[in-house]
């Protein structure tokens, strides 16, 4: 196994761990933190649907070639990014936000530096818009 292949496998395991941790954290919230969950109707079903899409796109991500991004990889990473943003919108938790890190490392492996930074900046902008939505404006004295 080459060094690049070994690194890819280890990153894959780290990604799987983060995906599982996000699901467990949301499950904990559904049972023991009813206040954040009660804000959205059918929260559990919506989160489960978004989580299933993220997991399916992550599992089906082609890992045979990490030299350049092909169309299947682009579709899979795009689905993960959209599902990740959706999940953070539903439940803005640190662990759930870490799903976007899983997407970012895939951008880093598959794209040149400029495109990877642009893709990550797009994710960051979407994340900032979610965090800012609905937040009260600070009062100046």
N, C-alpha and C. Protein backbone atom coordinates (compact mmCIF):
# COMPACT_ATOMS: atom_id res chain seq x y z
N UNK A 1 0.85 -1.17 0.00
CA UNK A 1 0.00 0.00 0.00
C UNK A 1 0.90 1.24 0.00
N UNK A 2 0.61 2.14 -0.93
CA UNK A 2 1.40 3.36 -1.00
C UNK A 2 1.02 4.32 0.13
N UNK A 3 1.82 5.32 0.28
CA UNK A 3 1.57 6.31 1.34
C UNK A 3 0.25 7.06 1.10
N UNK A 4 -0.02 7.41 -0.15
CA UNK A 4 -1.26 8.10 -0.49
C UNK A 4 -2.47 7.21 -0.23
N UNK A 5 -2.37 5.94 -0.58
CA UNK A 5 -3.48 5.02 -0.34
C UNK A 5 -3.72 4.85 1.16
N UNK A 6 -2.66 4.75 1.92
CA UNK A 6 -2.80 4.60 3.37
C UNK A 6 -3.46 5.84 3.99
N UNK A 7 -3.02 7.01 3.55
CA UNK A 7 -3.61 8.25 4.04
C UNK A 7 -5.08 8.34 3.68
N UNK A 8 -5.43 7.93 2.49
CA UNK A 8 -6.82 7.95 2.04
C UNK A 8 -7.67 7.02 2.88
N UNK A 9 -7.16 5.84 3.18
CA UNK A 9 -7.90 4.89 4.01
C UNK A 9 -8.10 5.44 5.41
N UNK A 10 -7.05 6.01 5.99
CA UNK A 10 -7.17 6.57 7.34
C UNK A 10 -8.14 7.74 7.37
N UNK A 11 -8.12 8.59 6.36
CA UNK A 11 -9.08 9.68 6.28
C UNK A 11 -10.50 9.16 6.12
N UNK A 12 -10.64 8.08 5.40
CA UNK A 12 -11.97 7.48 5.23
C UNK A 12 -12.50 6.99 6.58
N UNK A 13 -11.66 6.35 7.36
CA UNK A 13 -12.07 5.89 8.69
C UNK A 13 -12.41 7.08 9.60
N UNK A 14 -11.63 8.14 9.52
CA UNK A 14 -11.93 9.33 10.31
C UNK A 14 -13.27 9.93 9.90
N UNK A 15 -13.55 9.93 8.60
CA UNK A 15 -14.83 10.42 8.12
C UNK A 15 -15.99 9.58 8.60
N UNK A 16 -15.82 8.27 8.57
CA UNK A 16 -16.87 7.36 9.06
C UNK A 16 -17.13 7.63 10.54
N UNK A 17 -16.08 7.84 11.30
CA UNK A 17 -16.23 8.13 12.73
C UNK A 17 -17.02 9.42 12.95
N UNK A 18 -16.73 10.45 12.17
CA UNK A 18 -17.45 11.72 12.31
C UNK A 18 -18.92 11.59 11.91
N UNK A 19 -19.18 10.83 10.87
CA UNK A 19 -20.57 10.63 10.42
C UNK A 19 -21.36 9.90 11.51
N UNK A 20 -20.77 8.89 12.09
CA UNK A 20 -21.43 8.15 13.17
C UNK A 20 -21.64 9.06 14.39
N UNK A 21 -20.62 9.84 14.75
CA UNK A 21 -20.73 10.74 15.90
C UNK A 21 -21.85 11.76 15.70
N UNK A 22 -21.99 12.29 14.50
CA UNK A 22 -23.06 13.26 14.23
C UNK A 22 -24.43 12.61 14.37
N UNK A 23 -24.57 11.40 13.88
CA UNK A 23 -25.84 10.69 14.03
C UNK A 23 -26.17 10.40 15.49
N UNK A 24 -25.16 9.98 16.25
CA UNK A 24 -25.38 9.71 17.67
C UNK A 24 -25.74 10.98 18.43
N UNK A 25 -25.09 12.08 18.10
CA UNK A 25 -25.38 13.35 18.77
C UNK A 25 -26.80 13.81 18.48
N UNK A 26 -27.22 13.69 17.25
CA UNK A 26 -28.59 14.07 16.90
C UNK A 26 -29.61 13.14 17.56
N UNK A 27 -29.29 11.86 17.64
CA UNK A 27 -30.17 10.93 18.34
C UNK A 27 -30.30 11.27 19.81
N UNK A 28 -29.19 11.64 20.42
CA UNK A 28 -29.22 12.08 21.81
C UNK A 28 -30.10 13.31 21.97
N UNK A 29 -29.96 14.26 21.07
CA UNK A 29 -30.75 15.49 21.13
C UNK A 29 -32.24 15.19 20.97
N UNK A 30 -32.57 14.27 20.11
CA UNK A 30 -33.98 13.94 19.88
C UNK A 30 -34.65 13.42 21.14
N UNK A 31 -33.90 12.69 21.97
CA UNK A 31 -34.48 12.10 23.17
C UNK A 31 -34.30 12.95 24.43
N UNK A 32 -33.19 13.66 24.52
CA UNK A 32 -32.88 14.32 25.78
C UNK A 32 -32.82 15.85 25.72
N UNK A 33 -32.93 16.43 24.56
CA UNK A 33 -32.92 17.89 24.42
C UNK A 33 -34.12 18.32 23.57
N UNK A 34 -35.32 18.27 24.11
CA UNK A 34 -36.49 18.53 23.28
C UNK A 34 -36.63 19.98 22.81
N UNK A 35 -36.03 20.93 23.51
CA UNK A 35 -36.21 22.33 23.14
C UNK A 35 -35.67 22.66 21.75
N UNK A 36 -34.41 22.35 21.40
CA UNK A 36 -33.95 22.69 20.05
C UNK A 36 -34.69 21.90 18.96
N UNK A 37 -35.11 20.71 19.31
CA UNK A 37 -35.78 19.85 18.34
C UNK A 37 -37.22 20.29 18.13
N UNK A 38 -37.87 20.82 19.18
CA UNK A 38 -39.28 21.19 19.11
C UNK A 38 -39.53 22.39 18.21
N UNK A 39 -38.52 23.14 17.87
CA UNK A 39 -38.69 24.33 17.04
C UNK A 39 -39.15 23.95 15.63
N UNK A 40 -38.70 22.82 15.12
CA UNK A 40 -39.03 22.37 13.77
C UNK A 40 -39.99 21.19 13.85
N UNK A 41 -41.09 21.29 13.12
CA UNK A 41 -42.03 20.16 13.10
C UNK A 41 -41.41 18.99 12.32
N UNK A 42 -41.67 17.79 12.78
CA UNK A 42 -41.13 16.56 12.18
C UNK A 42 -39.60 16.60 12.08
N UNK A 43 -38.98 17.13 13.12
CA UNK A 43 -37.53 17.28 13.10
C UNK A 43 -36.81 15.96 12.88
N UNK A 44 -37.25 14.93 13.59
CA UNK A 44 -36.57 13.63 13.50
C UNK A 44 -36.63 13.07 12.07
N UNK A 45 -37.78 13.18 11.43
CA UNK A 45 -37.91 12.68 10.05
C UNK A 45 -37.05 13.49 9.09
N UNK A 46 -37.05 14.80 9.26
CA UNK A 46 -36.25 15.66 8.39
C UNK A 46 -34.75 15.40 8.59
N UNK A 47 -34.34 15.28 9.85
CA UNK A 47 -32.94 15.01 10.10
C UNK A 47 -32.54 13.64 9.57
N UNK A 48 -33.40 12.65 9.79
CA UNK A 48 -33.10 11.30 9.31
C UNK A 48 -32.97 11.26 7.79
N UNK A 49 -33.83 12.01 7.09
CA UNK A 49 -33.74 12.04 5.62
C UNK A 49 -32.44 12.69 5.16
N UNK A 50 -32.08 13.83 5.75
CA UNK A 50 -30.84 14.49 5.39
C UNK A 50 -29.62 13.65 5.75
N UNK A 51 -29.68 13.01 6.90
CA UNK A 51 -28.58 12.15 7.34
C UNK A 51 -28.43 10.94 6.41
N UNK A 52 -29.56 10.36 6.01
CA UNK A 52 -29.50 9.22 5.09
C UNK A 52 -28.89 9.62 3.75
N UNK A 53 -29.23 10.80 3.26
CA UNK A 53 -28.64 11.28 2.01
C UNK A 53 -27.14 11.48 2.17
N UNK A 54 -26.73 12.08 3.29
CA UNK A 54 -25.30 12.29 3.52
C UNK A 54 -24.57 10.95 3.58
N UNK A 55 -25.10 10.02 4.36
CA UNK A 55 -24.44 8.72 4.52
C UNK A 55 -24.38 7.98 3.18
N UNK A 56 -25.47 7.98 2.43
CA UNK A 56 -25.49 7.30 1.13
C UNK A 56 -24.46 7.91 0.18
N UNK A 57 -24.40 9.23 0.13
CA UNK A 57 -23.43 9.89 -0.75
C UNK A 57 -22.00 9.61 -0.29
N UNK A 58 -21.78 9.53 1.01
CA UNK A 58 -20.44 9.24 1.52
C UNK A 58 -20.03 7.80 1.23
N UNK A 59 -20.95 6.88 1.47
CA UNK A 59 -20.65 5.46 1.23
C UNK A 59 -20.44 5.17 -0.25
N UNK A 60 -21.23 5.82 -1.10
CA UNK A 60 -21.14 5.58 -2.54
C UNK A 60 -20.06 6.40 -3.23
N UNK A 61 -19.31 7.17 -2.45
CA UNK A 61 -18.24 7.98 -3.02
C UNK A 61 -17.17 7.09 -3.63
N UNK A 62 -16.94 7.23 -4.93
CA UNK A 62 -15.89 6.41 -5.56
C UNK A 62 -14.52 6.78 -5.01
N UNK A 63 -13.78 5.79 -4.55
CA UNK A 63 -12.46 6.04 -3.97
C UNK A 63 -11.34 5.43 -4.80
N UNK A 64 -11.67 5.01 -6.02
CA UNK A 64 -10.66 4.35 -6.84
C UNK A 64 -9.60 5.32 -7.38
N UNK A 65 -9.96 6.58 -7.58
CA UNK A 65 -9.02 7.54 -8.15
C UNK A 65 -9.12 8.86 -7.40
N UNK A 66 -8.11 9.19 -6.64
CA UNK A 66 -8.11 10.45 -5.93
C UNK A 66 -7.11 11.43 -6.55
N UNK A 67 -6.83 11.27 -7.83
CA UNK A 67 -5.92 12.20 -8.49
C UNK A 67 -6.67 13.46 -8.94
N UNK A 68 -7.81 13.27 -9.58
CA UNK A 68 -8.65 14.38 -10.02
C UNK A 68 -10.10 14.00 -9.82
N UNK A 69 -10.95 14.99 -9.74
CA UNK A 69 -12.37 14.74 -9.50
C UNK A 69 -13.08 14.37 -10.80
N UNK A 70 -13.79 13.23 -10.77
CA UNK A 70 -14.60 12.86 -11.93
C UNK A 70 -16.06 13.23 -11.64
N UNK A 71 -16.95 12.98 -12.59
CA UNK A 71 -18.35 13.40 -12.44
C UNK A 71 -19.05 12.70 -11.29
N UNK A 72 -18.80 11.41 -11.11
CA UNK A 72 -19.44 10.68 -9.99
C UNK A 72 -18.98 11.22 -8.65
N UNK A 73 -17.70 11.49 -8.54
CA UNK A 73 -17.18 12.05 -7.30
C UNK A 73 -17.74 13.45 -7.05
N UNK A 74 -17.84 14.24 -8.11
CA UNK A 74 -18.39 15.59 -7.97
C UNK A 74 -19.84 15.54 -7.49
N UNK A 75 -20.62 14.63 -8.05
CA UNK A 75 -22.00 14.50 -7.62
C UNK A 75 -22.12 14.04 -6.18
N UNK A 76 -21.28 13.10 -5.80
CA UNK A 76 -21.31 12.58 -4.44
C UNK A 76 -20.89 13.65 -3.43
N UNK A 77 -19.82 14.37 -3.72
CA UNK A 77 -19.35 15.41 -2.81
C UNK A 77 -20.37 16.55 -2.74
N UNK A 78 -20.98 16.90 -3.87
CA UNK A 78 -22.00 17.96 -3.86
C UNK A 78 -23.20 17.55 -3.01
N UNK A 79 -23.62 16.30 -3.14
CA UNK A 79 -24.74 15.81 -2.32
C UNK A 79 -24.38 15.84 -0.83
N UNK A 80 -23.15 15.47 -0.51
CA UNK A 80 -22.70 15.53 0.89
C UNK A 80 -22.69 16.97 1.40
N UNK A 81 -22.21 17.89 0.59
CA UNK A 81 -22.13 19.29 1.01
C UNK A 81 -23.53 19.86 1.26
N UNK A 82 -24.45 19.62 0.34
CA UNK A 82 -25.81 20.13 0.50
C UNK A 82 -26.49 19.48 1.70
N UNK A 83 -26.35 18.17 1.83
CA UNK A 83 -26.95 17.47 2.98
C UNK A 83 -26.32 17.94 4.29
N UNK A 84 -25.01 18.15 4.29
CA UNK A 84 -24.35 18.64 5.50
C UNK A 84 -24.83 20.01 5.92
N UNK A 85 -24.97 20.91 4.96
CA UNK A 85 -25.50 22.25 5.27
C UNK A 85 -26.93 22.14 5.78
N UNK A 86 -27.73 21.30 5.16
CA UNK A 86 -29.11 21.09 5.59
C UNK A 86 -29.16 20.56 7.02
N UNK A 87 -28.29 19.61 7.36
CA UNK A 87 -28.26 19.05 8.70
C UNK A 87 -27.84 20.10 9.74
N UNK A 88 -26.89 20.93 9.39
CA UNK A 88 -26.48 22.00 10.31
C UNK A 88 -27.62 23.00 10.48
N UNK A 89 -28.35 23.27 9.42
CA UNK A 89 -29.50 24.17 9.51
C UNK A 89 -30.55 23.60 10.46
N UNK A 90 -30.77 22.28 10.38
CA UNK A 90 -31.74 21.64 11.27
C UNK A 90 -31.26 21.59 12.71
N UNK A 91 -30.00 21.29 12.90
CA UNK A 91 -29.46 21.12 14.25
C UNK A 91 -28.05 21.68 14.29
N UNK A 92 -27.90 22.97 14.60
CA UNK A 92 -26.57 23.59 14.60
C UNK A 92 -25.72 23.16 15.79
N UNK A 93 -25.17 21.98 15.69
CA UNK A 93 -24.32 21.42 16.73
C UNK A 93 -22.89 21.34 16.20
N UNK A 94 -21.92 21.44 17.11
CA UNK A 94 -20.52 21.36 16.71
C UNK A 94 -20.23 20.04 15.99
N UNK A 95 -20.74 18.95 16.52
CA UNK A 95 -20.45 17.64 15.94
C UNK A 95 -21.09 17.52 14.56
N UNK A 96 -22.30 18.03 14.40
CA UNK A 96 -22.96 17.98 13.09
C UNK A 96 -22.21 18.88 12.11
N UNK A 97 -21.72 20.01 12.57
CA UNK A 97 -20.95 20.90 11.71
C UNK A 97 -19.66 20.23 11.23
N UNK A 98 -19.14 19.31 12.00
CA UNK A 98 -17.92 18.59 11.59
C UNK A 98 -18.14 17.74 10.34
N UNK A 99 -19.38 17.47 9.98
CA UNK A 99 -19.63 16.76 8.73
C UNK A 99 -19.09 17.57 7.54
N UNK A 100 -19.11 18.88 7.67
CA UNK A 100 -18.59 19.72 6.59
C UNK A 100 -17.07 19.61 6.48
N UNK A 101 -16.41 19.23 7.57
CA UNK A 101 -14.97 18.98 7.52
C UNK A 101 -14.70 17.72 6.69
N UNK A 102 -15.57 16.73 6.84
CA UNK A 102 -15.45 15.51 6.04
C UNK A 102 -15.55 15.85 4.56
N UNK A 103 -16.46 16.75 4.21
CA UNK A 103 -16.61 17.17 2.82
C UNK A 103 -15.37 17.97 2.38
N UNK A 104 -14.88 18.83 3.26
CA UNK A 104 -13.74 19.68 2.91
C UNK A 104 -12.49 18.86 2.61
N UNK A 105 -12.23 17.79 3.37
CA UNK A 105 -11.03 17.01 3.07
C UNK A 105 -11.17 16.29 1.73
N UNK A 106 -12.41 15.96 1.35
CA UNK A 106 -12.60 15.36 0.03
C UNK A 106 -12.33 16.38 -1.07
N UNK A 107 -12.75 17.63 -0.85
CA UNK A 107 -12.41 18.68 -1.80
C UNK A 107 -10.89 18.79 -1.92
N UNK A 108 -10.20 18.75 -0.78
CA UNK A 108 -8.74 18.89 -0.77
C UNK A 108 -8.05 17.76 -1.52
N UNK A 109 -8.59 16.55 -1.42
CA UNK A 109 -7.99 15.41 -2.11
C UNK A 109 -8.26 15.42 -3.62
N UNK A 110 -9.41 15.94 -4.01
CA UNK A 110 -9.86 15.78 -5.39
C UNK A 110 -9.65 17.00 -6.28
N UNK A 111 -9.42 18.15 -5.70
CA UNK A 111 -9.32 19.37 -6.49
C UNK A 111 -7.95 20.03 -6.32
N UNK A 112 -7.62 20.87 -7.27
CA UNK A 112 -6.40 21.66 -7.09
C UNK A 112 -6.67 22.69 -6.01
N UNK A 113 -5.64 23.33 -5.52
CA UNK A 113 -5.74 24.22 -4.37
C UNK A 113 -6.77 25.33 -4.57
N UNK A 114 -6.76 25.98 -5.70
CA UNK A 114 -7.67 27.10 -5.93
C UNK A 114 -9.13 26.65 -5.90
N UNK A 115 -9.44 25.57 -6.57
CA UNK A 115 -10.83 25.08 -6.59
C UNK A 115 -11.26 24.52 -5.23
N UNK A 116 -10.35 23.88 -4.53
CA UNK A 116 -10.66 23.37 -3.19
C UNK A 116 -10.96 24.52 -2.23
N UNK A 117 -10.16 25.57 -2.30
CA UNK A 117 -10.42 26.74 -1.45
C UNK A 117 -11.74 27.41 -1.81
N UNK A 118 -12.07 27.48 -3.08
CA UNK A 118 -13.34 28.06 -3.51
C UNK A 118 -14.52 27.23 -3.01
N UNK A 119 -14.40 25.90 -3.13
CA UNK A 119 -15.47 25.02 -2.65
C UNK A 119 -15.64 25.14 -1.14
N UNK A 120 -14.54 25.17 -0.42
CA UNK A 120 -14.61 25.31 1.05
C UNK A 120 -15.15 26.69 1.44
N UNK A 121 -14.77 27.72 0.70
CA UNK A 121 -15.29 29.06 0.99
C UNK A 121 -16.79 29.12 0.75
N UNK A 122 -17.27 28.42 -0.26
CA UNK A 122 -18.70 28.35 -0.51
C UNK A 122 -19.42 27.68 0.65
N UNK A 123 -18.86 26.58 1.13
CA UNK A 123 -19.43 25.92 2.31
C UNK A 123 -19.42 26.85 3.52
N UNK A 124 -18.32 27.55 3.71
CA UNK A 124 -18.19 28.47 4.84
C UNK A 124 -19.22 29.59 4.76
N UNK A 125 -19.43 30.12 3.57
CA UNK A 125 -20.42 31.17 3.39
C UNK A 125 -21.82 30.65 3.72
N UNK A 126 -22.16 29.46 3.22
CA UNK A 126 -23.47 28.88 3.53
C UNK A 126 -23.62 28.64 5.03
N UNK A 127 -22.57 28.17 5.66
CA UNK A 127 -22.60 27.95 7.10
C UNK A 127 -22.78 29.26 7.86
N UNK A 128 -22.10 30.30 7.44
CA UNK A 128 -22.24 31.61 8.09
C UNK A 128 -23.65 32.15 7.92
N UNK A 129 -24.25 31.93 6.78
CA UNK A 129 -25.62 32.41 6.56
C UNK A 129 -26.61 31.66 7.46
N UNK A 130 -26.37 30.40 7.69
CA UNK A 130 -27.25 29.63 8.58
C UNK A 130 -27.12 30.14 10.00
N UNK A 131 -25.91 30.33 10.47
CA UNK A 131 -25.68 30.77 11.83
C UNK A 131 -26.23 32.17 12.07
N UNK A 132 -26.22 33.00 11.03
CA UNK A 132 -26.70 34.38 11.19
C UNK A 132 -28.22 34.49 11.09
N UNK A 133 -28.85 33.57 10.42
CA UNK A 133 -30.29 33.63 10.25
C UNK A 133 -30.98 33.43 11.58
N UNK A 134 -31.89 34.34 11.89
CA UNK A 134 -32.68 34.21 13.10
C UNK A 134 -31.97 34.67 14.37
N UNK A 135 -30.75 35.12 14.27
CA UNK A 135 -30.03 35.61 15.45
C UNK A 135 -30.43 37.05 15.71
N UNK A 136 -30.71 37.40 16.94
CA UNK A 136 -31.07 38.79 17.23
C UNK A 136 -29.88 39.72 17.01
N UNK A 137 -30.18 40.90 16.56
CA UNK A 137 -29.15 41.92 16.34
C UNK A 137 -28.69 42.44 17.70
N UNK A 138 -27.39 42.62 17.90
CA UNK A 138 -26.91 43.18 19.17
C UNK A 138 -27.36 44.63 19.32
N UNK A 139 -27.70 44.98 20.52
CA UNK A 139 -28.12 46.35 20.79
C UNK A 139 -26.91 47.18 21.18
N UNK A 140 -26.81 48.33 20.59
CA UNK A 140 -25.72 49.24 20.96
C UNK A 140 -26.23 50.24 21.98
N UNK A 141 -25.41 50.58 22.91
CA UNK A 141 -25.82 51.51 23.99
C UNK A 141 -25.13 52.82 23.82
